[in-house]
């Protein structure tokens, strides 16, 4: 199992529709709105790194209103 955090920037006026689609994306566990350089922080989970890449690149980034992402893969310390 691979977990990560995805930081998202959204386009103005697209926040509500993008948020609803992000929440419904398989692999997205939790979404939080934040202030600052990023608009949302998502906790994600996948079976392996290629699957996580697919979730971010082919699912989340394709949602209208998502303008940029940064993915942080987490590891146990």
PDB file of N, CA and C in Angstrom:
ATOM      1  N   UNK A   1       0.847  -1.177   0.000  1.00  0.00           N
ATOM      2  CA  UNK A   1       0.000   0.000   0.000  1.00  0.00           C
ATOM      3  C   UNK A   1       0.892   1.240   0.000  1.00  0.00           C
ATOM      4  N   UNK A   2       0.538   2.204  -0.842  1.00  0.00           N
ATOM      5  CA  UNK A   2       1.261   3.467  -0.945  1.00  0.00           C
ATOM      6  C   UNK A   2       0.302   4.584  -0.577  1.00  0.00           C
ATOM      7  N   UNK A   3       0.760   5.512   0.247  1.00  0.00           N
ATOM      8  CA  UNK A   3      -0.060   6.664   0.615  1.00  0.00           C
ATOM      9  C   UNK A   3       0.671   7.935   0.233  1.00  0.00           C
ATOM     10  N   UNK A   4      -0.091   8.995   0.099  1.00  0.00           N
ATOM     11  CA  UNK A   4       0.515  10.269  -0.264  1.00  0.00           C
ATOM     12  C   UNK A   4      -0.404  11.426   0.031  1.00  0.00           C
ATOM     13  N   UNK A   5       0.145  12.595  -0.198  1.00  0.00           N
ATOM     14  CA  UNK A   5      -0.577  13.846  -0.042  1.00  0.00           C
ATOM     15  C   UNK A   5      -0.463  14.569  -1.373  1.00  0.00           C
ATOM     16  N   UNK A   6      -1.587  15.050  -1.882  1.00  0.00           N
ATOM     17  CA  UNK A   6      -1.584  15.811  -3.122  1.00  0.00           C
ATOM     18  C   UNK A   6      -2.016  17.238  -2.809  1.00  0.00           C
ATOM     19  N   UNK A   7      -1.174  18.190  -3.185  1.00  0.00           N
ATOM     20  CA  UNK A   7      -1.481  19.600  -3.040  1.00  0.00           C
ATOM     21  C   UNK A   7      -2.073  20.064  -4.362  1.00  0.00           C
ATOM     22  N   UNK A   8      -3.197  20.772  -4.309  1.00  0.00           N
ATOM     23  CA  UNK A   8      -3.883  21.185  -5.534  1.00  0.00           C
ATOM     24  C   UNK A   8      -4.144  22.676  -5.567  1.00  0.00           C
ATOM     25  N   UNK A   9      -3.982  23.231  -6.746  1.00  0.00           N
ATOM     26  CA  UNK A   9      -4.371  24.611  -7.012  1.00  0.00           C
ATOM     27  C   UNK A   9      -5.559  24.558  -7.958  1.00  0.00           C
ATOM     28  N   UNK A  10      -6.592  25.362  -7.672  1.00  0.00           N
ATOM     29  CA  UNK A  10      -7.810  25.359  -8.465  1.00  0.00           C
ATOM     30  C   UNK A  10      -8.008  26.702  -9.157  1.00  0.00           C
ATOM     31  N   UNK A  11      -8.658  26.651 -10.316  1.00  0.00           N
ATOM     32  CA  UNK A  11      -8.994  27.872 -11.030  1.00  0.00           C
ATOM     33  C   UNK A  11     -10.166  28.573 -10.378  1.00  0.00           C
ATOM     34  N   UNK A  12     -10.164  29.888 -10.460  1.00  0.00           N
ATOM     35  CA  UNK A  12     -11.241  30.685  -9.869  1.00  0.00           C
ATOM     36  C   UNK A  12     -12.581  30.319 -10.492  1.00  0.00           C
ATOM     37  N   UNK A  13     -13.579  30.155  -9.633  1.00  0.00           N
ATOM     38  CA  UNK A  13     -14.928  29.844 -10.080  1.00  0.00           C
ATOM     39  C   UNK A  13     -15.190  28.365 -10.308  1.00  0.00           C
ATOM     40  N   UNK A  14     -14.164  27.527 -10.203  1.00  0.00           N
ATOM     41  CA  UNK A  14     -14.313  26.090 -10.450  1.00  0.00           C
ATOM     42  C   UNK A  14     -14.219  25.268  -9.162  1.00  0.00           C
ATOM     43  N   UNK A  15     -14.098  25.951  -8.045  1.00  0.00           N
ATOM     44  CA  UNK A  15     -13.813  25.261  -6.791  1.00  0.00           C
ATOM     45  C   UNK A  15     -14.863  24.221  -6.403  1.00  0.00           C
ATOM     46  N   UNK A  16     -16.122  24.590  -6.430  1.00  0.00           N
ATOM     47  CA  UNK A  16     -17.174  23.673  -5.969  1.00  0.00           C
ATOM     48  C   UNK A  16     -17.286  22.436  -6.842  1.00  0.00           C
ATOM     49  N   UNK A  17     -17.289  22.623  -8.156  1.00  0.00           N
ATOM     50  CA  UNK A  17     -17.434  21.462  -9.045  1.00  0.00           C
ATOM     51  C   UNK A  17     -16.196  20.581  -8.993  1.00  0.00           C
ATOM     52  N   UNK A  18     -15.014  21.193  -8.915  1.00  0.00           N
ATOM     53  CA  UNK A  18     -13.779  20.411  -8.827  1.00  0.00           C
ATOM     54  C   UNK A  18     -13.734  19.631  -7.517  1.00  0.00           C
ATOM     55  N   UNK A  19     -14.105  20.270  -6.420  1.00  0.00           N
ATOM     56  CA  UNK A  19     -14.085  19.620  -5.115  1.00  0.00           C
ATOM     57  C   UNK A  19     -14.986  18.388  -5.100  1.00  0.00           C
ATOM     58  N   UNK A  20     -16.174  18.504  -5.657  1.00  0.00           N
ATOM     59  CA  UNK A  20     -17.099  17.365  -5.680  1.00  0.00           C
ATOM     60  C   UNK A  20     -16.505  16.193  -6.457  1.00  0.00           C
ATOM     61  N   UNK A  21     -15.877  16.469  -7.584  1.00  0.00           N
ATOM     62  CA  UNK A  21     -15.284  15.399  -8.389  1.00  0.00           C
ATOM     63  C   UNK A  21     -14.048  14.806  -7.722  1.00  0.00           C
ATOM     64  N   UNK A  22     -13.261  15.628  -7.067  1.00  0.00           N
ATOM     65  CA  UNK A  22     -12.073  15.135  -6.359  1.00  0.00           C
ATOM     66  C   UNK A  22     -12.496  14.191  -5.240  1.00  0.00           C
ATOM     67  N   UNK A  23     -13.512  14.578  -4.470  1.00  0.00           N
ATOM     68  CA  UNK A  23     -13.991  13.738  -3.366  1.00  0.00           C
ATOM     69  C   UNK A  23     -14.484  12.378  -3.859  1.00  0.00           C
ATOM     70  N   UNK A  24     -15.029  12.340  -5.073  1.00  0.00           N
ATOM     71  CA  UNK A  24     -15.562  11.098  -5.629  1.00  0.00           C
ATOM     72  C   UNK A  24     -14.511  10.242  -6.327  1.00  0.00           C
ATOM     73  N   UNK A  25     -13.279  10.710  -6.384  1.00  0.00           N
ATOM     74  CA  UNK A  25     -12.216   9.979  -7.069  1.00  0.00           C
ATOM     75  C   UNK A  25     -11.757   8.800  -6.222  1.00  0.00           C
ATOM     76  N   UNK A  26     -11.755   7.614  -6.824  1.00  0.00           N
ATOM     77  CA  UNK A  26     -11.297   6.414  -6.110  1.00  0.00           C
ATOM     78  C   UNK A  26      -9.839   6.595  -5.711  1.00  0.00           C
ATOM     79  N   UNK A  27      -9.557   6.351  -4.448  1.00  0.00           N
ATOM     80  CA  UNK A  27      -8.209   6.506  -3.915  1.00  0.00           C
ATOM     81  C   UNK A  27      -8.042   7.754  -3.070  1.00  0.00           C
ATOM     82  N   UNK A  28      -8.949   8.720  -3.218  1.00  0.00           N
ATOM     83  CA  UNK A  28      -8.897   9.935  -2.398  1.00  0.00           C
ATOM     84  C   UNK A  28      -9.598   9.634  -1.077  1.00  0.00           C
ATOM     85  N   UNK A  29      -8.838   9.722   0.015  1.00  0.00           N
ATOM     86  CA  UNK A  29      -9.368   9.394   1.339  1.00  0.00           C
ATOM     87  C   UNK A  29      -9.976  10.592   2.046  1.00  0.00           C
ATOM     88  N   UNK A  30      -9.337  11.757   1.887  1.00  0.00           N
ATOM     89  CA  UNK A  30      -9.762  12.946   2.623  1.00  0.00           C
ATOM     90  C   UNK A  30      -9.326  14.180   1.849  1.00  0.00           C
ATOM     91  N   UNK A  31     -10.141  15.218   1.874  1.00  0.00           N
ATOM     92  CA  UNK A  31      -9.816  16.485   1.218  1.00  0.00           C
ATOM     93  C   UNK A  31      -9.996  17.610   2.229  1.00  0.00           C
ATOM     94  N   UNK A  32      -9.005  18.503   2.300  1.00  0.00           N
ATOM     95  CA  UNK A  32      -9.085  19.666   3.182  1.00  0.00           C
ATOM     96  C   UNK A  32      -8.814  20.925   2.380  1.00  0.00           C
ATOM     97  N   UNK A  33      -9.590  21.962   2.638  1.00  0.00           N
ATOM     98  CA  UNK A  33      -9.316  23.270   2.066  1.00  0.00           C
ATOM     99  C   UNK A  33      -8.250  23.957   2.910  1.00  0.00           C
ATOM    100  N   UNK A  34      -7.321  24.649   2.258  1.00  0.00           N
ATOM    101  CA  UNK A  34      -6.244  25.330   2.974  1.00  0.00           C
ATOM    102  C   UNK A  34      -6.055  26.734   2.401  1.00  0.00           C
ATOM    103  N   UNK A  35      -5.411  27.586   3.155  1.00  0.00           N
ATOM    104  CA  UNK A  35      -5.076  28.933   2.711  1.00  0.00           C
ATOM    105  C   UNK A  35      -3.611  28.968   2.320  1.00  0.00           C
ATOM    106  N   UNK A  36      -3.279  29.817   1.388  1.00  0.00           N
ATOM    107  CA  UNK A  36      -1.893  29.966   0.982  1.00  0.00           C
ATOM    108  C   UNK A  36      -1.711  29.643  -0.481  1.00  0.00           C
ATOM    109  N   UNK A  37      -0.553  29.114  -0.820  1.00  0.00           N
ATOM    110  CA  UNK A  37      -0.202  28.827  -2.209  1.00  0.00           C
ATOM    111  C   UNK A  37      -1.092  27.752  -2.829  1.00  0.00           C
ATOM    112  N   UNK A  38      -1.576  26.838  -2.028  1.00  0.00           N
ATOM    113  CA  UNK A  38      -2.431  25.742  -2.492  1.00  0.00           C
ATOM    114  C   UNK A  38      -3.847  25.965  -2.004  1.00  0.00           C
ATOM    115  N   UNK A  39      -4.814  25.361  -2.700  1.00  0.00           N
ATOM    116  CA  UNK A  39      -6.219  25.506  -2.330  1.00  0.00           C
ATOM    117  C   UNK A  39      -6.762  24.294  -1.580  1.00  0.00           C
ATOM    118  N   UNK A  40      -6.278  23.096  -1.962  1.00  0.00           N
ATOM    119  CA  UNK A  40      -6.734  21.857  -1.339  1.00  0.00           C
ATOM    120  C   UNK A  40      -5.558  20.955  -1.028  1.00  0.00           C
ATOM    121  N   UNK A  41      -5.731  20.116  -0.015  1.00  0.00           N
ATOM    122  CA  UNK A  41      -4.792  19.053   0.303  1.00  0.00           C
ATOM    123  C   UNK A  41      -5.601  17.761   0.346  1.00  0.00           C
ATOM    124  N   UNK A  42      -5.163  16.752  -0.415  1.00  0.00           N
ATOM    125  CA  UNK A  42      -5.856  15.460  -0.464  1.00  0.00           C
ATOM    126  C   UNK A  42      -4.955  14.367   0.073  1.00  0.00           C
ATOM    127  N   UNK A  43      -5.505  13.518   0.922  1.00  0.00           N
ATOM    128  CA  UNK A  43      -4.816  12.291   1.321  1.00  0.00           C
ATOM    129  C   UNK A  43      -5.254  11.218   0.338  1.00  0.00           C
ATOM    130  N   UNK A  44      -4.276  10.511  -0.246  1.00  0.00           N
ATOM    131  CA  UNK A  44      -4.614   9.476  -1.214  1.00  0.00           C
ATOM    132  C   UNK A  44      -3.940   8.164  -0.838  1.00  0.00           C
ATOM    133  N   UNK A  45      -4.498   7.075  -1.385  1.00  0.00           N
ATOM    134  CA  UNK A  45      -3.989   5.733  -1.109  1.00  0.00           C
ATOM    135  C   UNK A  45      -4.159   4.899  -2.375  1.00  0.00           C
ATOM    136  N   UNK A  46      -3.153   4.059  -2.653  1.00  0.00           N
ATOM    137  CA  UNK A  46      -3.213   3.176  -3.815  1.00  0.00           C
ATOM    138  C   UNK A  46      -2.436   1.897  -3.500  1.00  0.00           C
ATOM    139  N   UNK A  47      -2.660   0.886  -4.318  1.00  0.00           N
ATOM    140  CA  UNK A  47      -1.976  -0.399  -4.111  1.00  0.00           C
ATOM    141  C   UNK A  47      -0.477  -0.296  -4.345  1.00  0.00           C
ATOM    142  N   UNK A  48      -0.071   0.546  -5.311  1.00  0.00           N
ATOM    143  CA  UNK A  48       1.350   0.679  -5.643  1.00  0.00           C
ATOM    144  C   UNK A  48       1.584   2.046  -6.273  1.00  0.00           C
ATOM    145  N   UNK A  49       2.844   2.377  -6.524  1.00  0.00           N
ATOM    146  CA  UNK A  49       3.195   3.689  -7.061  1.00  0.00           C
ATOM    147  C   UNK A  49       2.623   3.929  -8.461  1.00  0.00           C
ATOM    148  N   UNK A  50       2.664   2.949  -9.380  1.00  0.00           N
ATOM    149  CA  UNK A  50       2.042   3.195 -10.691  1.00  0.00           C
ATOM    150  C   UNK A  50       0.545   3.501 -10.600  1.00  0.00           C
ATOM    151  N   UNK A  51      -0.153   2.840  -9.684  1.00  0.00           N
ATOM    152  CA  UNK A  51      -1.577   3.109  -9.507  1.00  0.00           C
ATOM    153  C   UNK A  51      -1.789   4.507  -8.946  1.00  0.00           C
ATOM    154  N   UNK A  52      -0.947   4.918  -7.997  1.00  0.00           N
ATOM    155  CA  UNK A  52      -1.044   6.265  -7.451  1.00  0.00           C
ATOM    156  C   UNK A  52      -0.789   7.298  -8.545  1.00  0.00           C
ATOM    157  N   UNK A  53       0.199   7.042  -9.378  1.00  0.00           N
ATOM    158  CA  UNK A  53       0.491   7.942 -10.490  1.00  0.00           C
ATOM    159  C   UNK A  53      -0.722   8.076 -11.399  1.00  0.00           C
ATOM    160  N   UNK A  54      -1.381   6.966 -11.676  1.00  0.00           N
ATOM    161  CA  UNK A  54      -2.574   6.983 -12.513  1.00  0.00           C
ATOM    162  C   UNK A  54      -3.682   7.819 -11.876  1.00  0.00           C
ATOM    163  N   UNK A  55      -3.883   7.689 -10.586  1.00  0.00           N
ATOM    164  CA  UNK A  55      -4.921   8.459  -9.896  1.00  0.00           C
ATOM    165  C   UNK A  55      -4.643   9.954 -10.040  1.00  0.00           C
ATOM    166  N   UNK A  56      -3.399  10.345  -9.816  1.00  0.00           N
ATOM    167  CA  UNK A  56      -3.067  11.773  -9.867  1.00  0.00           C
ATOM    168  C   UNK A  56      -3.096  12.298 -11.300  1.00  0.00           C
ATOM    169  N   UNK A  57      -2.382  11.624 -12.194  1.00  0.00           N
ATOM    170  CA  UNK A  57      -2.216  12.132 -13.559  1.00  0.00           C
ATOM    171  C   UNK A  57      -3.469  11.967 -14.411  1.00  0.00           C
ATOM    172  N   UNK A  58      -4.086  10.812 -14.356  1.00  0.00           N
ATOM    173  CA  UNK A  58      -5.207  10.528 -15.256  1.00  0.00           C
ATOM    174  C   UNK A  58      -6.586  10.769 -14.661  1.00  0.00           C
ATOM    175  N   UNK A  59      -6.650  10.975 -13.364  1.00  0.00           N
ATOM    176  CA  UNK A  59      -7.952  11.243 -12.729  1.00  0.00           C
ATOM    177  C   UNK A  59      -7.998  12.677 -12.195  1.00  0.00           C
ATOM    178  N   UNK A  60      -7.200  12.963 -11.167  1.00  0.00           N
ATOM    179  CA  UNK A  60      -7.279  14.268 -10.497  1.00  0.00           C
ATOM    180  C   UNK A  60      -6.897  15.408 -11.442  1.00  0.00           C
ATOM    181  N   UNK A  61      -5.796  15.287 -12.148  1.00  0.00           N
ATOM    182  CA  UNK A  61      -5.353  16.381 -13.030  1.00  0.00           C
ATOM    183  C   UNK A  61      -6.292  16.620 -14.202  1.00  0.00           C
ATOM    184  N   UNK A  62      -7.121  15.659 -14.528  1.00  0.00           N
ATOM    185  CA  UNK A  62      -8.048  15.809 -15.647  1.00  0.00           C
ATOM    186  C   UNK A  62      -9.361  16.486 -15.246  1.00  0.00           C
ATOM    187  N   UNK A  63      -9.552  16.711 -13.970  1.00  0.00           N
ATOM    188  CA  UNK A  63     -10.780  17.350 -13.491  1.00  0.00           C
ATOM    189  C   UNK A  63     -10.752  18.832 -13.876  1.00  0.00           C
ATOM    190  N   UNK A  64     -11.798  19.315 -14.555  1.00  0.00           N
ATOM    191  CA  UNK A  64     -11.846  20.737 -14.911  1.00  0.00           C
ATOM    192  C   UNK A  64     -11.747  21.610 -13.662  1.00  0.00           C
ATOM    193  N   UNK A  65     -10.870  22.583 -13.697  1.00  0.00           N
ATOM    194  CA  UNK A  65     -10.653  23.473 -12.562  1.00  0.00           C
ATOM    195  C   UNK A  65      -9.370  23.200 -11.815  1.00  0.00           C
ATOM    196  N   UNK A  66      -8.809  22.003 -11.957  1.00  0.00           N
ATOM    197  CA  UNK A  66      -7.521  21.699 -11.329  1.00  0.00           C
ATOM    198  C   UNK A  66      -6.440  22.268 -12.236  1.00  0.00           C
ATOM    199  N   UNK A  67      -5.704  23.248 -11.731  1.00  0.00           N
ATOM    200  CA  UNK A  67      -4.689  23.896 -12.560  1.00  0.00           C
ATOM    201  C   UNK A  67      -3.285  23.369 -12.315  1.00  0.00           C
ATOM    202  N   UNK A  68      -3.012  22.885 -11.105  1.00  0.00           N
ATOM    203  CA  UNK A  68      -1.700  22.286 -10.846  1.00  0.00           C
ATOM    204  C   UNK A  68      -1.762  21.412  -9.601  1.00  0.00           C
ATOM    205  N   UNK A  69      -0.835  20.457  -9.546  1.00  0.00           N
ATOM    206  CA  UNK A  69      -0.742  19.552  -8.396  1.00  0.00           C
ATOM    207  C   UNK A  69       0.712  19.345  -8.018  1.00  0.00           C
ATOM    208  N   UNK A  70       0.908  18.947  -6.794  1.00  0.00           N
ATOM    209  CA  UNK A  70       2.215  18.479  -6.322  1.00  0.00           C
ATOM    210  C   UNK A  70       1.931  17.277  -5.423  1.00  0.00           C
ATOM    211  N   UNK A  71       2.562  16.164  -5.715  1.00  0.00           N
ATOM    212  CA  UNK A  71       2.314  14.932  -4.970  1.00  0.00           C
ATOM    213  C   UNK A  71       3.486  14.620  -4.063  1.00  0.00           C
ATOM    214  N   UNK A  72       3.186  14.337  -2.822  1.00  0.00           N
ATOM    215  CA  UNK A  72       4.180  13.964  -1.827  1.00  0.00           C
ATOM    216  C   UNK A  72       3.875  12.537  -1.402  1.00  0.00           C
ATOM    217  N   UNK A  73       4.728  11.602  -1.772  1.00  0.00           N
ATOM    218  CA  UNK A  73       4.543  10.207  -1.383  1.00  0.00           C
ATOM    219  C   UNK A  73       5.020  10.059   0.053  1.00  0.00           C
ATOM    220  N   UNK A  74       4.182   9.476   0.893  1.00  0.00           N
ATOM    221  CA  UNK A  74       4.536   9.348   2.311  1.00  0.00           C
ATOM    222  C   UNK A  74       5.192   8.002   2.576  1.00  0.00           C
ATOM    223  N   UNK A  75       5.968   7.978   3.632  1.00  0.00           N
ATOM    224  CA  UNK A  75       6.647   6.759   4.044  1.00  0.00           C
ATOM    225  C   UNK A  75       6.659   6.686   5.565  1.00  0.00           C
ATOM    226  N   UNK A  76       6.622   5.488   6.097  1.00  0.00           N
ATOM    227  CA  UNK A  76       6.682   5.318   7.550  1.00  0.00           C
ATOM    228  C   UNK A  76       8.084   5.635   8.040  1.00  0.00           C
ATOM    229  N   UNK A  77       8.155   6.300   9.171  1.00  0.00           N
ATOM    230  CA  UNK A  77       9.469   6.647   9.749  1.00  0.00           C
ATOM    231  C   UNK A  77       9.655   5.892  11.047  1.00  0.00           C
TER     232      UNK A  77
END
